[in-house]
Amino acid sequence: MGWTPLHTAARDGDAKRLKRCIEQIKWLDPVDINAQSSQGHTPLHMCAANGHVEVMQYILAQKDCDKNAQTKLGNTALHLAALNSREPACKMLVSHGADAKRKNQAGQTAADLCPAENKTLRQFLVEQSTAEKPEDMEEDEEGEV
């Protein structure tokens, strides 16, 4: 599997253990918060898929956290949270800058993977994937957006 102790703590939703792991090893060697398993899952993927928002909050606060890291299949943490109907996790990821427009290798966005019966989450993700963000807007000839 290629999981580190960070992956296991993230999957289990054990914020205390995850924080302890980071604190214990960062003085020895920089902690790679984006360490990938053999399938490309980061600790953020693991906790997002399982809806562990307390652990997500800690991971997202790390300066080097890649919010849009992709697995070997191209799925981001947002894809996995959506697939598992983890609404609080999806909203947290988007609020921290996860790209709702990002597609996996099958050409699917997180909204595409969200179960159809979860209408509110699906609608939220569709809105996020079609919304223009400031960096997406172009200036007109007079330098106005």
Protein backbone atom coordinates (compact mmCIF):
# COMPACT_ATOMS: atom_id res chain seq x y z
CA MET A 1 0.00 0.00 0.00
CA GLY A 2 2.83 2.40 0.73
CA TRP A 3 1.01 4.18 3.57
CA THR A 4 2.90 6.25 6.11
CA PRO A 5 1.71 6.72 9.71
CA LEU A 6 0.23 10.02 8.47
CA HIS A 7 -1.98 8.12 5.99
CA THR A 8 -3.24 5.76 8.69
CA ALA A 9 -3.97 8.55 11.18
CA ALA A 10 -5.76 10.53 8.44
CA ARG A 11 -7.84 7.53 7.36
CA ASP A 12 -8.81 6.80 10.96
CA GLY A 13 -9.65 10.44 11.70
CA ASP A 14 -7.19 10.47 14.58
CA ALA A 15 -6.16 14.13 14.79
CA LYS A 16 -4.20 13.61 17.99
CA ARG A 17 -2.08 10.81 16.49
CA LEU A 18 -1.55 12.74 13.25
CA LYS A 19 -0.36 15.84 15.14
CA ARG A 20 1.90 13.70 17.33
CA CYS A 21 3.45 12.02 14.25
CA ILE A 22 4.16 15.37 12.65
CA GLU A 23 5.62 16.85 15.82
CA GLN A 24 7.80 13.79 16.52
CA ILE A 25 9.35 13.53 13.09
CA LYS A 26 9.62 17.11 11.88
CA TRP A 27 12.71 17.80 14.00
CA LEU A 28 14.42 14.79 12.36
CA ASP A 29 13.37 15.40 8.81
CA PRO A 30 10.87 17.70 7.15
CA VAL A 31 7.43 16.12 7.13
CA ASP A 32 6.01 15.53 3.66
CA ILE A 33 2.35 16.31 4.23
CA ASN A 34 1.81 15.36 0.57
CA ALA A 35 3.40 11.88 0.84
CA GLN A 36 1.66 9.57 -1.61
CA SER A 37 0.75 5.92 -1.22
CA SER A 38 1.41 3.49 -4.06
CA GLN A 39 -1.95 4.56 -5.55
CA GLY A 40 -1.16 8.25 -5.14
CA HIS A 41 -3.32 8.95 -2.08
CA THR A 42 -2.09 11.67 0.27
CA PRO A 43 -3.17 11.98 3.91
CA LEU A 44 -5.62 14.67 2.72
CA HIS A 45 -7.22 12.17 0.31
CA MET A 46 -7.60 9.67 3.16
CA CYS A 47 -9.31 11.98 5.64
CA ALA A 48 -11.46 13.70 2.98
CA ALA A 49 -12.79 10.36 1.71
CA ASN A 50 -13.75 9.43 5.26
CA GLY A 51 -15.11 12.85 6.22
CA HIS A 52 -12.63 13.52 9.03
CA VAL A 53 -12.85 17.31 8.97
CA GLU A 54 -10.87 17.90 12.17
CA VAL A 55 -7.88 16.10 10.65
CA MET A 56 -8.45 17.87 7.33
CA GLN A 57 -8.35 21.23 9.07
CA TYR A 58 -4.95 20.42 10.55
CA ILE A 59 -3.55 19.14 7.24
CA LEU A 60 -4.92 22.10 5.27
CA ALA A 61 -3.22 24.46 7.72
CA GLN A 62 0.21 23.05 6.80
CA LYS A 63 2.01 25.50 4.51
CA ASP A 64 3.01 22.92 1.90
CA CYS A 65 -0.34 21.13 1.64
CA ASP A 66 -1.27 20.46 -1.99
CA LYS A 67 -5.06 20.82 -1.98
CA ASN A 68 -5.27 19.57 -5.57
CA ALA A 69 -2.89 16.59 -5.44
CA GLN A 70 -4.12 13.82 -7.72
CA THR A 71 -4.06 10.05 -7.32
CA LYS A 72 -2.89 7.79 -10.13
CA LEU A 73 -6.47 7.92 -11.44
CA GLY A 74 -6.43 11.71 -11.28
CA ASN A 75 -8.77 12.05 -8.31
CA THR A 76 -8.26 14.90 -5.86
CA ALA A 77 -9.35 14.91 -2.22
CA LEU A 78 -12.44 16.80 -3.42
CA HIS A 79 -13.28 14.00 -5.87
CA LEU A 80 -13.09 11.41 -3.08
CA ALA A 81 -15.07 13.51 -0.60
CA ALA A 82 -17.78 14.04 -3.24
CA LEU A 83 -17.86 10.37 -4.21
CA ASN A 84 -18.49 9.49 -0.55
CA SER A 85 -21.06 12.30 -0.01
CA ARG A 86 -18.88 14.06 2.58
CA GLU A 87 -20.52 17.49 2.37
CA PRO A 88 -18.61 19.19 5.23
CA ALA A 89 -15.34 17.88 3.78
CA CYS A 90 -16.22 19.16 0.29
CA LYS A 91 -17.12 22.60 1.61
CA MET A 92 -13.94 22.79 3.66
CA LEU A 93 -11.79 21.81 0.67
CA VAL A 94 -13.43 24.38 -1.60
CA SER A 95 -13.08 27.09 1.06
CA HIS A 96 -9.35 26.29 1.23
CA GLY A 97 -8.90 26.59 -2.53
CA ALA A 98 -9.50 23.08 -3.88
CA ASP A 99 -10.24 23.28 -7.61
CA ALA A 100 -13.81 22.09 -8.29
CA LYS A 101 -13.11 22.33 -12.04
CA ARG A 102 -10.26 19.79 -11.91
CA LYS A 103 -11.00 16.60 -13.86
CA ASN A 104 -9.71 13.10 -13.21
CA GLN A 105 -8.36 10.80 -15.92
CA ALA A 106 -11.91 9.78 -16.84
CA GLY A 107 -12.76 13.45 -17.47
CA GLN A 108 -14.94 13.72 -14.35
CA THR A 109 -15.16 16.60 -11.90
CA ALA A 110 -16.07 16.13 -8.23
CA ALA A 111 -19.66 17.08 -9.14
CA ASP A 112 -19.75 14.22 -11.65
CA LEU A 113 -18.76 11.74 -8.95
CA CYS A 114 -21.24 12.97 -6.35
CA PRO A 115 -24.15 10.51 -5.96
CA ALA A 116 -27.28 11.85 -7.70
CA GLU A 117 -29.38 11.36 -4.56
CA ASN A 118 -27.27 13.94 -2.72
CA LYS A 119 -28.86 16.86 -4.54
CA THR A 120 -27.63 19.66 -2.25
CA LEU A 121 -23.99 18.60 -2.38
CA ARG A 122 -24.17 17.95 -6.10
CA GLN A 123 -25.68 21.42 -6.68
CA PHE A 124 -22.98 23.04 -4.53
CA LEU A 125 -20.24 21.29 -6.51
CA VAL A 126 -21.82 22.18 -9.86
CA GLU A 127 -21.99 25.83 -8.78
CA GLN A 128 -18.34 25.73 -7.69
CA SER A 129 -17.21 24.12 -10.93
CA THR A 130 -18.96 26.73 -13.06
CA ALA A 131 -18.25 29.80 -10.92
CA GLU A 132 -15.68 32.26 -12.18
CA LYS A 133 -12.92 32.87 -9.73
CA PRO A 134 -10.96 36.17 -9.78
CA GLU A 135 -7.96 34.49 -11.42
CA ASP A 136 -10.26 33.14 -14.18
CA MET A 137 -11.57 36.57 -15.12
CA GLU A 138 -9.78 38.47 -17.84
CA GLU A 139 -9.24 42.20 -17.99
CA ASP A 140 -10.86 44.15 -20.78
CA GLU A 141 -8.97 46.68 -22.91
CA GLU A 142 -9.22 49.36 -20.20
CA GLY A 143 -7.76 47.05 -17.57
CA GLU A 144 -11.12 46.37 -15.95
CA VAL A 145 -12.43 42.97 -15.05
